[in-house]
Each structure stands twice: as C-alpha cells, then as structure tokens.
C-alpha cells in the first residue's frame, strides 16, 4: 500500500492537537486522533492514543475486531488515569479512528467524529459513524443530512476517549478491492470541505500525493478554522 499524509494547525489555532500514525508492519495500521480539552492538553491525549497503538503487538490470529475494541478500552483507561493523576490533564480527551488492513480487509475501531472514507468507482462513502449531537438529530429525524454541514452545534460530541469509563466503540469489517482509496481525517477537513467537493477532488486526480495536498490546501483556503489532518492510502 501507498500512503500520504497532511497535518496543519490551520489558520486560527495556535497548536495542533491532532495526531496520526501510519504503521506498516506487520500489516498496515492507520490512525487519526483529534485531541480536545484539559487546559490545552488535547495534544497529550491524542499523542497518548497514537503512541499506545504504535507499540501495540497485534495478534492477527485472534478476532481482530475484539482486539481493536480491547486496545481502545485500554487507551481510554490510560487517558482517564493520566487526567486523574495530574490536574492539568483533567478533562482531556480525543477522538480515534483506527484501521488495520489485513488479507484485503479493513478492520475499524472508532469513537468520536473523525472519519474514515472509502472511495471506490468514483463514489465517496463514509464508513464510520459520527458520535455527535448532529448525528443523533439526524437519526431521530429532527435534522436533514443536508443541514448538518452548517449546523451551529456540529462540534458537540456524544463520545470521545478520556471522558467516560463506559464507552461504545464502533467496530466494523469490510472487504477491500484493488485501487480502493481510503481517506482518514479529522473534522478540520470535513468541517471545511463538503463531501461532494472531497469526492470531486479525489476523482479529478490520479496521484495520491496530489490528492492529499489538494484536500489540505482546500481546507485551509476555506477557512482552516481547526487543526486539519488527513491520511490517504491506495489498496493494491
């Protein structure tokens, strides 16, 4: 697999609280994490998540989805404990979108409102579910999906790591095909660029490096009001 990444503090924020990981051995593992809270300690929470995944010894002979769920619970407990042990980290948290790719399948563990997309046959499909107030409103029929992009409360999360010991982790497994493009991103990208435009940019270019830079640049041009992080990958 080929991977490219882009990460920026954006045009407004002083610090970049996003972190990401591309780990290639023993199989590709990709992570994006968007830190928040705790007296500007969001970067500590997201870095903790990435570091723990970086060092984790995945057992590919076990149930991989259960393995991801176990790992994410471990990360959650460690972030909470660090906040309990040190007042300046209290209340910090992070989103986490984690994927392991093995035997032409993608295994997903997810919490928060960072996202994973699959681009196939010129169509972009979101393959994670946002843990957000806006998504709850959509599920309850109180908001149309088309209204979500401009909703004033779209940044309110219903779940994140480090906030509560009892969390619901989304896990999923999908078959992959050659030439599938995967996009992992924090909301600094999707709050600045509508999905139709993301799809258009990906469709209009062949090189992964060009796609990645174009998406990052467009998010900055559209305001860059948050940290922006994305990782792209091509299946082959």
C-alpha atoms as a PDB file:
ATOM      1  CA  UNK A   1       0.000   0.000   0.000  1.00  0.00           C
ATOM      2  CA  UNK A   2       0.974   3.586  -0.624  1.00  0.00           C
ATOM      3  CA  UNK A   3       0.165   6.272   1.973  1.00  0.00           C
ATOM      4  CA  UNK A   4       0.348  10.052   2.066  1.00  0.00           C
ATOM      5  CA  UNK A   5      -0.434  12.443   4.914  1.00  0.00           C
ATOM      6  CA  UNK A   6      -1.119  16.101   5.621  1.00  0.00           C
ATOM      7  CA  UNK A   7      -1.363  17.807   9.014  1.00  0.00           C
ATOM      8  CA  UNK A   8      -1.639  21.514   9.833  1.00  0.00           C
ATOM      9  CA  UNK A   9      -2.632  23.607  12.840  1.00  0.00           C
ATOM     10  CA  UNK A  10      -4.838  25.556  10.429  1.00  0.00           C
ATOM     11  CA  UNK A  11      -5.267  29.314  10.178  1.00  0.00           C
ATOM     12  CA  UNK A  12      -6.732  30.024  13.636  1.00  0.00           C
ATOM     13  CA  UNK A  13      -5.466  27.602  16.293  1.00  0.00           C
ATOM     14  CA  UNK A  14      -2.112  28.174  17.994  1.00  0.00           C
ATOM     15  CA  UNK A  15      -1.369  24.471  18.450  1.00  0.00           C
ATOM     16  CA  UNK A  16      -2.023  21.300  16.506  1.00  0.00           C
ATOM     17  CA  UNK A  17      -3.854  18.875  18.817  1.00  0.00           C
ATOM     18  CA  UNK A  18      -4.294  16.303  16.038  1.00  0.00           C
ATOM     19  CA  UNK A  19      -2.034  13.288  15.794  1.00  0.00           C
ATOM     20  CA  UNK A  20      -1.822  10.478  13.276  1.00  0.00           C
ATOM     21  CA  UNK A  21       0.010   7.242  12.645  1.00  0.00           C
ATOM     22  CA  UNK A  22       0.865   5.142   9.612  1.00  0.00           C
ATOM     23  CA  UNK A  23       2.374   1.852  10.762  1.00  0.00           C
ATOM     24  CA  UNK A  24       3.273  -0.643   8.029  1.00  0.00           C
ATOM     25  CA  UNK A  25       4.421  -3.728   9.954  1.00  0.00           C
ATOM     26  CA  UNK A  26       3.305  -6.457  10.462  1.00  0.00           C
ATOM     27  CA  UNK A  27       0.378  -5.055   8.473  1.00  0.00           C
ATOM     28  CA  UNK A  28      -0.849  -1.516   7.737  1.00  0.00           C
ATOM     29  CA  UNK A  29      -2.337   0.288  10.743  1.00  0.00           C
ATOM     30  CA  UNK A  30      -3.631   3.827  10.236  1.00  0.00           C
ATOM     31  CA  UNK A  31      -4.839   6.212  12.949  1.00  0.00           C
ATOM     32  CA  UNK A  32      -6.152   9.761  13.153  1.00  0.00           C
ATOM     33  CA  UNK A  33      -6.882  11.331  16.545  1.00  0.00           C
ATOM     34  CA  UNK A  34      -8.256  14.790  17.320  1.00  0.00           C
ATOM     35  CA  UNK A  35      -7.439  15.917  20.855  1.00  0.00           C
ATOM     36  CA  UNK A  36      -9.544  18.246  22.980  1.00  0.00           C
ATOM     37  CA  UNK A  37      -9.927  19.850  26.396  1.00  0.00           C
ATOM     38  CA  UNK A  38      -7.921  19.607  29.591  1.00  0.00           C
ATOM     39  CA  UNK A  39      -6.307  23.076  29.581  1.00  0.00           C
ATOM     40  CA  UNK A  40      -4.880  22.680  26.077  1.00  0.00           C
ATOM     41  CA  UNK A  41      -3.849  19.077  26.794  1.00  0.00           C
ATOM     42  CA  UNK A  42      -5.769  17.660  23.842  1.00  0.00           C
ATOM     43  CA  UNK A  43      -2.482  17.060  22.074  1.00  0.00           C
ATOM     44  CA  UNK A  44      -1.369  14.934  25.044  1.00  0.00           C
ATOM     45  CA  UNK A  45      -4.473  12.727  24.786  1.00  0.00           C
ATOM     46  CA  UNK A  46      -4.208  12.246  21.026  1.00  0.00           C
ATOM     47  CA  UNK A  47      -0.451  11.597  21.275  1.00  0.00           C
ATOM     48  CA  UNK A  48      -1.030   9.011  24.009  1.00  0.00           C
ATOM     49  CA  UNK A  49      -3.523   7.193  21.787  1.00  0.00           C
ATOM     50  CA  UNK A  50      -1.144   7.161  18.832  1.00  0.00           C
ATOM     51  CA  UNK A  51       1.866   6.075  20.929  1.00  0.00           C
ATOM     52  CA  UNK A  52      -0.019   3.175  22.521  1.00  0.00           C
ATOM     53  CA  UNK A  53      -1.178   1.927  19.112  1.00  0.00           C
ATOM     54  CA  UNK A  54       2.317   2.352  17.683  1.00  0.00           C
ATOM     55  CA  UNK A  55       3.752  -0.027  20.290  1.00  0.00           C
ATOM     56  CA  UNK A  56       0.839  -2.474  20.472  1.00  0.00           C
ATOM     57  CA  UNK A  57       1.542  -6.086  19.492  1.00  0.00           C
ATOM     58  CA  UNK A  58      -1.433  -7.116  17.352  1.00  0.00           C
ATOM     59  CA  UNK A  59      -2.265 -10.821  17.308  1.00  0.00           C
ATOM     60  CA  UNK A  60      -3.575 -11.435  13.799  1.00  0.00           C
ATOM     61  CA  UNK A  61      -4.635 -14.967  14.728  1.00  0.00           C
ATOM     62  CA  UNK A  62      -7.227 -13.630  17.158  1.00  0.00           C
ATOM     63  CA  UNK A  63     -10.558 -11.908  16.491  1.00  0.00           C
ATOM     64  CA  UNK A  64      -9.178  -8.629  15.134  1.00  0.00           C
ATOM     65  CA  UNK A  65     -12.281  -6.556  15.886  1.00  0.00           C
ATOM     66  CA  UNK A  66     -12.245  -7.711  19.510  1.00  0.00           C
ATOM     67  CA  UNK A  67      -8.527  -6.926  19.595  1.00  0.00           C
ATOM     68  CA  UNK A  68      -9.209  -3.365  18.412  1.00  0.00           C
ATOM     69  CA  UNK A  69     -12.002  -2.936  20.949  1.00  0.00           C
ATOM     70  CA  UNK A  70      -9.737  -4.170  23.762  1.00  0.00           C
ATOM     71  CA  UNK A  71      -6.946  -1.820  22.697  1.00  0.00           C
ATOM     72  CA  UNK A  72      -9.246   1.224  22.519  1.00  0.00           C
ATOM     73  CA  UNK A  73     -10.592   0.478  26.014  1.00  0.00           C
ATOM     74  CA  UNK A  74      -7.006   0.291  27.299  1.00  0.00           C
ATOM     75  CA  UNK A  75      -6.263   3.689  25.726  1.00  0.00           C
ATOM     76  CA  UNK A  76      -9.411   5.171  27.242  1.00  0.00           C
ATOM     77  CA  UNK A  77      -8.483   3.938  30.725  1.00  0.00           C
ATOM     78  CA  UNK A  78      -4.932   5.306  30.449  1.00  0.00           C
ATOM     79  CA  UNK A  79      -6.092   8.757  29.320  1.00  0.00           C
ATOM     80  CA  UNK A  80      -8.614   8.915  32.174  1.00  0.00           C
ATOM     81  CA  UNK A  81      -5.948   7.847  34.706  1.00  0.00           C
ATOM     82  CA  UNK A  82      -3.499  10.493  33.475  1.00  0.00           C
ATOM     83  CA  UNK A  83      -6.211  13.100  33.978  1.00  0.00           C
ATOM     84  CA  UNK A  84      -6.894  11.811  37.489  1.00  0.00           C
ATOM     85  CA  UNK A  85      -3.193  11.817  38.373  1.00  0.00           C
ATOM     86  CA  UNK A  86      -2.457  15.317  37.083  1.00  0.00           C
ATOM     87  CA  UNK A  87      -4.929  18.194  37.368  1.00  0.00           C
ATOM     88  CA  UNK A  88      -3.621  19.955  34.243  1.00  0.00           C
ATOM     89  CA  UNK A  89      -4.686  16.940  32.159  1.00  0.00           C
ATOM     90  CA  UNK A  90      -8.106  16.561  33.765  1.00  0.00           C
ATOM     91  CA  UNK A  91     -10.882  16.578  31.171  1.00  0.00           C
ATOM     92  CA  UNK A  92      -8.639  15.981  28.185  1.00  0.00           C
ATOM     93  CA  UNK A  93      -9.905  13.617  25.528  1.00  0.00           C
ATOM     94  CA  UNK A  94      -9.526  12.580  21.929  1.00  0.00           C
ATOM     95  CA  UNK A  95     -11.402  11.130  19.022  1.00  0.00           C
ATOM     96  CA  UNK A  96      -9.937   7.998  17.467  1.00  0.00           C
ATOM     97  CA  UNK A  97     -10.388   6.447  14.048  1.00  0.00           C
ATOM     98  CA  UNK A  98      -8.233   3.344  13.785  1.00  0.00           C
ATOM     99  CA  UNK A  99      -7.956   0.846  10.956  1.00  0.00           C
ATOM    100  CA  UNK A 100      -5.959  -2.337  10.488  1.00  0.00           C
ATOM    101  CA  UNK A 101      -5.648  -3.727   6.961  1.00  0.00           C
ATOM    102  CA  UNK A 102      -5.069  -7.449   6.605  1.00  0.00           C
ATOM    103  CA  UNK A 103      -5.844 -10.034   3.923  1.00  0.00           C
ATOM    104  CA  UNK A 104      -7.561  -7.428   1.739  1.00  0.00           C
ATOM    105  CA  UNK A 105      -9.941  -6.425   4.535  1.00  0.00           C
ATOM    106  CA  UNK A 106     -10.174  -3.275   6.630  1.00  0.00           C
ATOM    107  CA  UNK A 107     -10.888  -3.679  10.339  1.00  0.00           C
ATOM    108  CA  UNK A 108     -12.140  -0.499  12.014  1.00  0.00           C
ATOM    109  CA  UNK A 109     -12.266   0.723  15.614  1.00  0.00           C
ATOM    110  CA  UNK A 110     -13.787   4.174  16.035  1.00  0.00           C
ATOM    111  CA  UNK A 111     -15.048   6.725  18.547  1.00  0.00           C
ATOM    112  CA  UNK A 112     -15.753  10.442  18.094  1.00  0.00           C
ATOM    113  CA  UNK A 113     -16.233  12.470  14.926  1.00  0.00           C
ATOM    114  CA  UNK A 114     -13.048  11.907  12.989  1.00  0.00           C
ATOM    115  CA  UNK A 115     -13.856   9.845   9.918  1.00  0.00           C
ATOM    116  CA  UNK A 116     -12.808   7.076   7.561  1.00  0.00           C
ATOM    117  CA  UNK A 117     -14.000   7.166   3.969  1.00  0.00           C
ATOM    118  CA  UNK A 118     -13.824   4.621   1.165  1.00  0.00           C
ATOM    119  CA  UNK A 119     -13.567   5.932  -2.405  1.00  0.00           C
ATOM    120  CA  UNK A 120     -14.494   3.299  -4.998  1.00  0.00           C
ATOM    121  CA  UNK A 121     -15.829   3.565  -8.554  1.00  0.00           C
ATOM    122  CA  UNK A 122     -15.770   7.375  -8.355  1.00  0.00           C
ATOM    123  CA  UNK A 123     -18.009   7.391  -5.264  1.00  0.00           C
ATOM    124  CA  UNK A 124     -17.074   8.512  -1.739  1.00  0.00           C
ATOM    125  CA  UNK A 125     -18.648   6.603   1.146  1.00  0.00           C
ATOM    126  CA  UNK A 126     -18.235   7.314   4.862  1.00  0.00           C
ATOM    127  CA  UNK A 127     -17.559   4.026   6.679  1.00  0.00           C
ATOM    128  CA  UNK A 128     -17.575   5.332  10.252  1.00  0.00           C
ATOM    129  CA  UNK A 129     -20.406   6.873  12.275  1.00  0.00           C
ATOM    130  CA  UNK A 130     -20.001  10.264  13.937  1.00  0.00           C
ATOM    131  CA  UNK A 131     -20.506  10.295  17.705  1.00  0.00           C
ATOM    132  CA  UNK A 132     -22.031  13.763  17.598  1.00  0.00           C
ATOM    133  CA  UNK A 133     -25.147  15.665  18.599  1.00  0.00           C
ATOM    134  CA  UNK A 134     -25.862  16.458  14.956  1.00  0.00           C
ATOM    135  CA  UNK A 135     -25.754  12.794  14.003  1.00  0.00           C
ATOM    136  CA  UNK A 136     -28.181  11.994  16.830  1.00  0.00           C
ATOM    137  CA  UNK A 137     -30.536  14.666  15.480  1.00  0.00           C
ATOM    138  CA  UNK A 138     -30.309  13.112  12.005  1.00  0.00           C
ATOM    139  CA  UNK A 139     -31.010   9.605  13.356  1.00  0.00           C
ATOM    140  CA  UNK A 140     -34.024  10.938  15.263  1.00  0.00           C
ATOM    141  CA  UNK A 141     -35.392  12.618  12.149  1.00  0.00           C
ATOM    142  CA  UNK A 142     -35.013  16.119  13.597  1.00  0.00           C
ATOM    143  CA  UNK A 143     -32.371  17.210  11.095  1.00  0.00           C
ATOM    144  CA  UNK A 144     -31.803  16.512   7.417  1.00  0.00           C
ATOM    145  CA  UNK A 145     -28.335  15.201   6.450  1.00  0.00           C
ATOM    146  CA  UNK A 146     -28.029  18.150   4.048  1.00  0.00           C
ATOM    147  CA  UNK A 147     -28.357  20.550   7.018  1.00  0.00           C
ATOM    148  CA  UNK A 148     -25.536  19.015   9.070  1.00  0.00           C
ATOM    149  CA  UNK A 149     -22.627  20.860   7.434  1.00  0.00           C
ATOM    150  CA  UNK A 150     -23.878  24.298   8.501  1.00  0.00           C
ATOM    151  CA  UNK A 151     -25.356  23.326  11.883  1.00  0.00           C
ATOM    152  CA  UNK A 152     -24.082  25.591  14.712  1.00  0.00           C
ATOM    153  CA  UNK A 153     -23.703  22.663  17.132  1.00  0.00           C
ATOM    154  CA  UNK A 154     -21.897  20.261  14.816  1.00  0.00           C
ATOM    155  CA  UNK A 155     -18.813  20.239  17.045  1.00  0.00           C
ATOM    156  CA  UNK A 156     -20.611  18.797  20.078  1.00  0.00           C
ATOM    157  CA  UNK A 157     -19.516  15.189  20.641  1.00  0.00           C
ATOM    158  CA  UNK A 158     -21.540  12.498  22.355  1.00  0.00           C
ATOM    159  CA  UNK A 159     -18.466  10.296  22.899  1.00  0.00           C
ATOM    160  CA  UNK A 160     -14.677  10.541  22.988  1.00  0.00           C
ATOM    161  CA  UNK A 161     -11.794   8.771  24.664  1.00  0.00           C
ATOM    162  CA  UNK A 162     -10.802  10.000  28.134  1.00  0.00           C
ATOM    163  CA  UNK A 163     -14.200  11.343  29.167  1.00  0.00           C
ATOM    164  CA  UNK A 164     -16.098   8.297  30.450  1.00  0.00           C
ATOM    165  CA  UNK A 165     -15.042   4.806  31.506  1.00  0.00           C
ATOM    166  CA  UNK A 166     -18.086   3.300  29.805  1.00  0.00           C
ATOM    167  CA  UNK A 167     -17.809   3.840  26.065  1.00  0.00           C
ATOM    168  CA  UNK A 168     -19.405   2.319  22.995  1.00  0.00           C
ATOM    169  CA  UNK A 169     -16.745   1.568  20.395  1.00  0.00           C
ATOM    170  CA  UNK A 170     -17.830   1.213  16.801  1.00  0.00           C
ATOM    171  CA  UNK A 171     -16.170  -1.775  15.114  1.00  0.00           C
ATOM    172  CA  UNK A 172     -16.613  -2.897  11.541  1.00  0.00           C
ATOM    173  CA  UNK A 173     -15.002  -5.067   8.876  1.00  0.00           C
ATOM    174  CA  UNK A 174     -15.182  -4.503   5.107  1.00  0.00           C
ATOM    175  CA  UNK A 175     -13.712  -6.232   2.077  1.00  0.00           C
ATOM    176  CA  UNK A 176     -11.312  -4.131   0.024  1.00  0.00           C
ATOM    177  CA  UNK A 177     -10.661  -4.119  -3.708  1.00  0.00           C
ATOM    178  CA  UNK A 178      -7.585  -3.120  -5.679  1.00  0.00           C
ATOM    179  CA  UNK A 179      -7.477   0.633  -6.374  1.00  0.00           C
ATOM    180  CA  UNK A 180      -9.768   1.455  -3.450  1.00  0.00           C
ATOM    181  CA  UNK A 181      -8.738   4.757  -1.906  1.00  0.00           C
ATOM    182  CA  UNK A 182      -9.050   5.224   1.853  1.00  0.00           C
ATOM    183  CA  UNK A 183      -9.288   8.639   3.475  1.00  0.00           C
ATOM    184  CA  UNK A 184      -8.772   9.103   7.221  1.00  0.00           C
ATOM    185  CA  UNK A 185      -9.407  12.614   8.527  1.00  0.00           C
ATOM    186  CA  UNK A 186     -10.202  14.810  11.493  1.00  0.00           C
ATOM    187  CA  UNK A 187     -13.140  17.212  11.371  1.00  0.00           C
ATOM    188  CA  UNK A 188     -10.809  20.054  10.420  1.00  0.00           C
ATOM    189  CA  UNK A 189     -11.104  18.691   6.894  1.00  0.00           C
ATOM    190  CA  UNK A 190     -14.786  17.770   6.766  1.00  0.00           C
ATOM    191  CA  UNK A 191     -15.908  20.984   8.509  1.00  0.00           C
ATOM    192  CA  UNK A 192     -14.210  22.992   5.756  1.00  0.00           C
ATOM    193  CA  UNK A 193     -14.991  20.880   2.663  1.00  0.00           C
ATOM    194  CA  UNK A 194     -18.321  19.303   1.802  1.00  0.00           C
ATOM    195  CA  UNK A 195     -18.257  15.609   0.908  1.00  0.00           C
ATOM    196  CA  UNK A 196     -19.260  16.335  -2.709  1.00  0.00           C
ATOM    197  CA  UNK A 197     -16.166  18.520  -3.112  1.00  0.00           C
ATOM    198  CA  UNK A 198     -13.914  15.911  -1.483  1.00  0.00           C
ATOM    199  CA  UNK A 199     -15.271  13.357  -3.948  1.00  0.00           C
ATOM    200  CA  UNK A 200     -14.651  15.770  -6.820  1.00  0.00           C
ATOM    201  CA  UNK A 201     -11.033  16.402  -5.798  1.00  0.00           C
ATOM    202  CA  UNK A 202     -10.296  12.687  -5.470  1.00  0.00           C
ATOM    203  CA  UNK A 203     -11.985  11.928  -8.816  1.00  0.00           C
ATOM    204  CA  UNK A 204     -10.031  14.657 -10.585  1.00  0.00           C
ATOM    205  CA  UNK A 205      -6.527  13.433  -9.778  1.00  0.00           C
ATOM    206  CA  UNK A 206      -4.581  10.204 -10.125  1.00  0.00           C
ATOM    207  CA  UNK A 207      -1.584  10.733  -7.834  1.00  0.00           C
ATOM    208  CA  UNK A 208      -2.170  10.160  -4.132  1.00  0.00           C
ATOM    209  CA  UNK A 209       0.273  12.917  -3.189  1.00  0.00           C
ATOM    210  CA  UNK A 210      -1.638  15.443  -5.322  1.00  0.00           C
ATOM    211  CA  UNK A 211      -4.997  14.410  -3.848  1.00  0.00           C
ATOM    212  CA  UNK A 212      -3.694  14.726  -0.295  1.00  0.00           C
ATOM    213  CA  UNK A 213      -2.118  18.151  -0.822  1.00  0.00           C
ATOM    214  CA  UNK A 214      -5.188  19.442  -2.700  1.00  0.00           C
ATOM    215  CA  UNK A 215      -7.519  18.414   0.128  1.00  0.00           C
ATOM    216  CA  UNK A 216      -5.323  20.013   2.796  1.00  0.00           C
ATOM    217  CA  UNK A 217      -4.860  23.197   0.774  1.00  0.00           C
ATOM    218  CA  UNK A 218      -8.605  23.472   0.082  1.00  0.00           C
ATOM    219  CA  UNK A 219      -9.437  23.137   3.797  1.00  0.00           C
ATOM    220  CA  UNK A 220      -7.007  25.984   4.536  1.00  0.00           C
ATOM    221  CA  UNK A 221      -8.405  28.114   1.712  1.00  0.00           C
ATOM    222  CA  UNK A 222     -11.941  27.579   3.034  1.00  0.00           C
ATOM    223  CA  UNK A 223     -11.003  28.992   6.425  1.00  0.00           C
ATOM    224  CA  UNK A 224      -8.838  26.438   8.229  1.00  0.00           C
ATOM    225  CA  UNK A 225     -10.658  27.202  11.485  1.00  0.00           C
ATOM    226  CA  UNK A 226      -9.456  23.989  13.157  1.00  0.00           C
ATOM    227  CA  UNK A 227      -6.477  21.650  13.003  1.00  0.00           C
ATOM    228  CA  UNK A 228      -6.518  19.675   9.771  1.00  0.00           C
ATOM    229  CA  UNK A 229      -5.159  16.130   9.499  1.00  0.00           C
ATOM    230  CA  UNK A 230      -5.677  13.528   6.803  1.00  0.00           C
ATOM    231  CA  UNK A 231      -4.097  10.284   5.678  1.00  0.00           C
ATOM    232  CA  UNK A 232      -4.803   8.714   2.302  1.00  0.00           C
ATOM    233  CA  UNK A 233      -3.984   5.207   1.137  1.00  0.00           C
ATOM    234  CA  UNK A 234      -4.373   3.175  -2.048  1.00  0.00           C
ATOM    235  CA  UNK A 235      -5.079  -0.563  -1.965  1.00  0.00           C
ATOM    236  CA  UNK A 236      -3.028  -2.669  -4.354  1.00  0.00           C
END
